[in-house]
Amino acid sequence: MSLTIDIPEALRDRVQAIAARSNLTPSQVVADALEHGLSLEWQEHFIAQVEAGLKDADNGDFASDADLSALVNKYRPM
């Protein structure tokens, strides 16, 4: 199904920016928002967090074995 809507330029620019940063089409970004209730603000925040994590990984900033063990043991029954 094809649907054409008129949206404000600022909103269109945000959709296009999200699409470019996430390798999705603008239609996929809008469909995701409509199908899953993921606002543009949520999508922008998610992408920013992923990009920050990738930057940390590129810099070799990973959790240590001790950090991972502490996290796993935090939720393990006693």
Protein backbone atom coordinates (compact mmCIF):
# COMPACT_ATOMS: atom_id res chain seq x y z
CA MET A 1 0.00 0.00 0.00
CA SER A 2 1.21 3.46 -0.79
CA LEU A 3 0.22 6.53 1.20
CA THR A 4 1.24 10.12 0.63
CA ILE A 5 1.08 12.61 3.49
CA ASP A 6 2.16 16.20 3.92
CA ILE A 7 4.28 16.81 7.00
CA PRO A 8 6.16 19.91 8.13
CA GLU A 9 9.65 20.32 6.69
CA ALA A 10 11.32 20.03 10.09
CA LEU A 11 9.61 16.68 10.70
CA ARG A 12 10.54 15.45 7.22
CA ASP A 13 14.16 16.43 7.88
CA ARG A 14 14.18 14.42 11.14
CA VAL A 15 12.74 11.36 9.39
CA GLN A 16 15.35 11.65 6.64
CA ALA A 17 18.17 12.07 9.17
CA ILE A 18 17.05 8.97 11.09
CA ALA A 19 16.81 7.04 7.84
CA ALA A 20 20.33 8.06 6.82
CA ARG A 21 21.82 7.19 10.22
CA SER A 22 20.07 3.82 10.45
CA ASN A 23 20.32 2.61 6.84
CA LEU A 24 16.52 2.53 6.61
CA THR A 25 14.26 4.27 4.13
CA PRO A 26 12.13 7.16 5.35
CA SER A 27 9.08 4.92 4.79
CA GLN A 28 10.58 2.27 7.08
CA VAL A 29 11.25 4.87 9.79
CA VAL A 30 7.65 6.09 9.68
CA ALA A 31 6.26 2.54 9.50
CA ASP A 32 8.36 1.57 12.55
CA ALA A 33 7.00 4.56 14.46
CA LEU A 34 3.43 3.67 13.55
CA GLU A 35 3.67 -0.10 14.03
CA HIS A 36 5.72 -0.13 17.24
CA GLY A 37 4.98 3.25 18.79
CA LEU A 38 8.61 4.31 18.53
CA SER A 39 8.57 8.10 18.38
CA LEU A 40 11.13 9.99 16.35
CA GLU A 41 12.61 11.21 19.63
CA TRP A 42 13.00 7.60 20.82
CA GLN A 43 14.56 6.57 17.52
CA GLU A 44 17.00 9.52 17.59
CA HIS A 45 18.02 8.68 21.16
CA PHE A 46 18.44 4.97 20.33
CA ILE A 47 20.66 5.73 17.35
CA ALA A 48 22.76 8.16 19.40
CA GLN A 49 23.29 5.50 22.09
CA VAL A 50 24.27 2.88 19.50
CA GLU A 51 26.71 5.30 17.88
CA ALA A 52 28.22 6.11 21.30
CA GLY A 53 28.62 2.39 22.03
CA LEU A 54 30.28 1.79 18.67
CA LYS A 55 32.66 4.68 19.33
CA ASP A 56 33.55 3.19 22.73
CA ALA A 57 34.12 -0.21 21.11
CA ASP A 58 36.32 1.35 18.44
CA ASN A 59 38.37 2.89 21.26
CA GLY A 60 38.70 -0.51 22.96
CA ASP A 61 36.47 0.48 25.88
CA PHE A 62 34.82 -2.82 26.85
CA ALA A 63 33.51 -4.19 30.12
CA SER A 64 36.09 -6.24 32.00
CA ASP A 65 35.56 -9.86 32.98
CA ALA A 66 35.15 -8.68 36.58
CA ASP A 67 32.45 -6.18 35.52
CA LEU A 68 30.54 -8.88 33.66
CA SER A 69 30.81 -11.34 36.56
CA ALA A 70 29.54 -8.71 39.00
CA LEU A 71 26.55 -8.02 36.75
CA VAL A 72 25.69 -11.71 36.30
CA ASN A 73 26.06 -12.43 40.02
CA LYS A 74 23.94 -9.40 40.94
CA TYR A 75 20.86 -11.15 39.60
CA ARG A 76 21.74 -14.73 40.53
CA PRO A 77 19.66 -16.22 43.34
CA MET A 78 21.55 -16.70 46.57
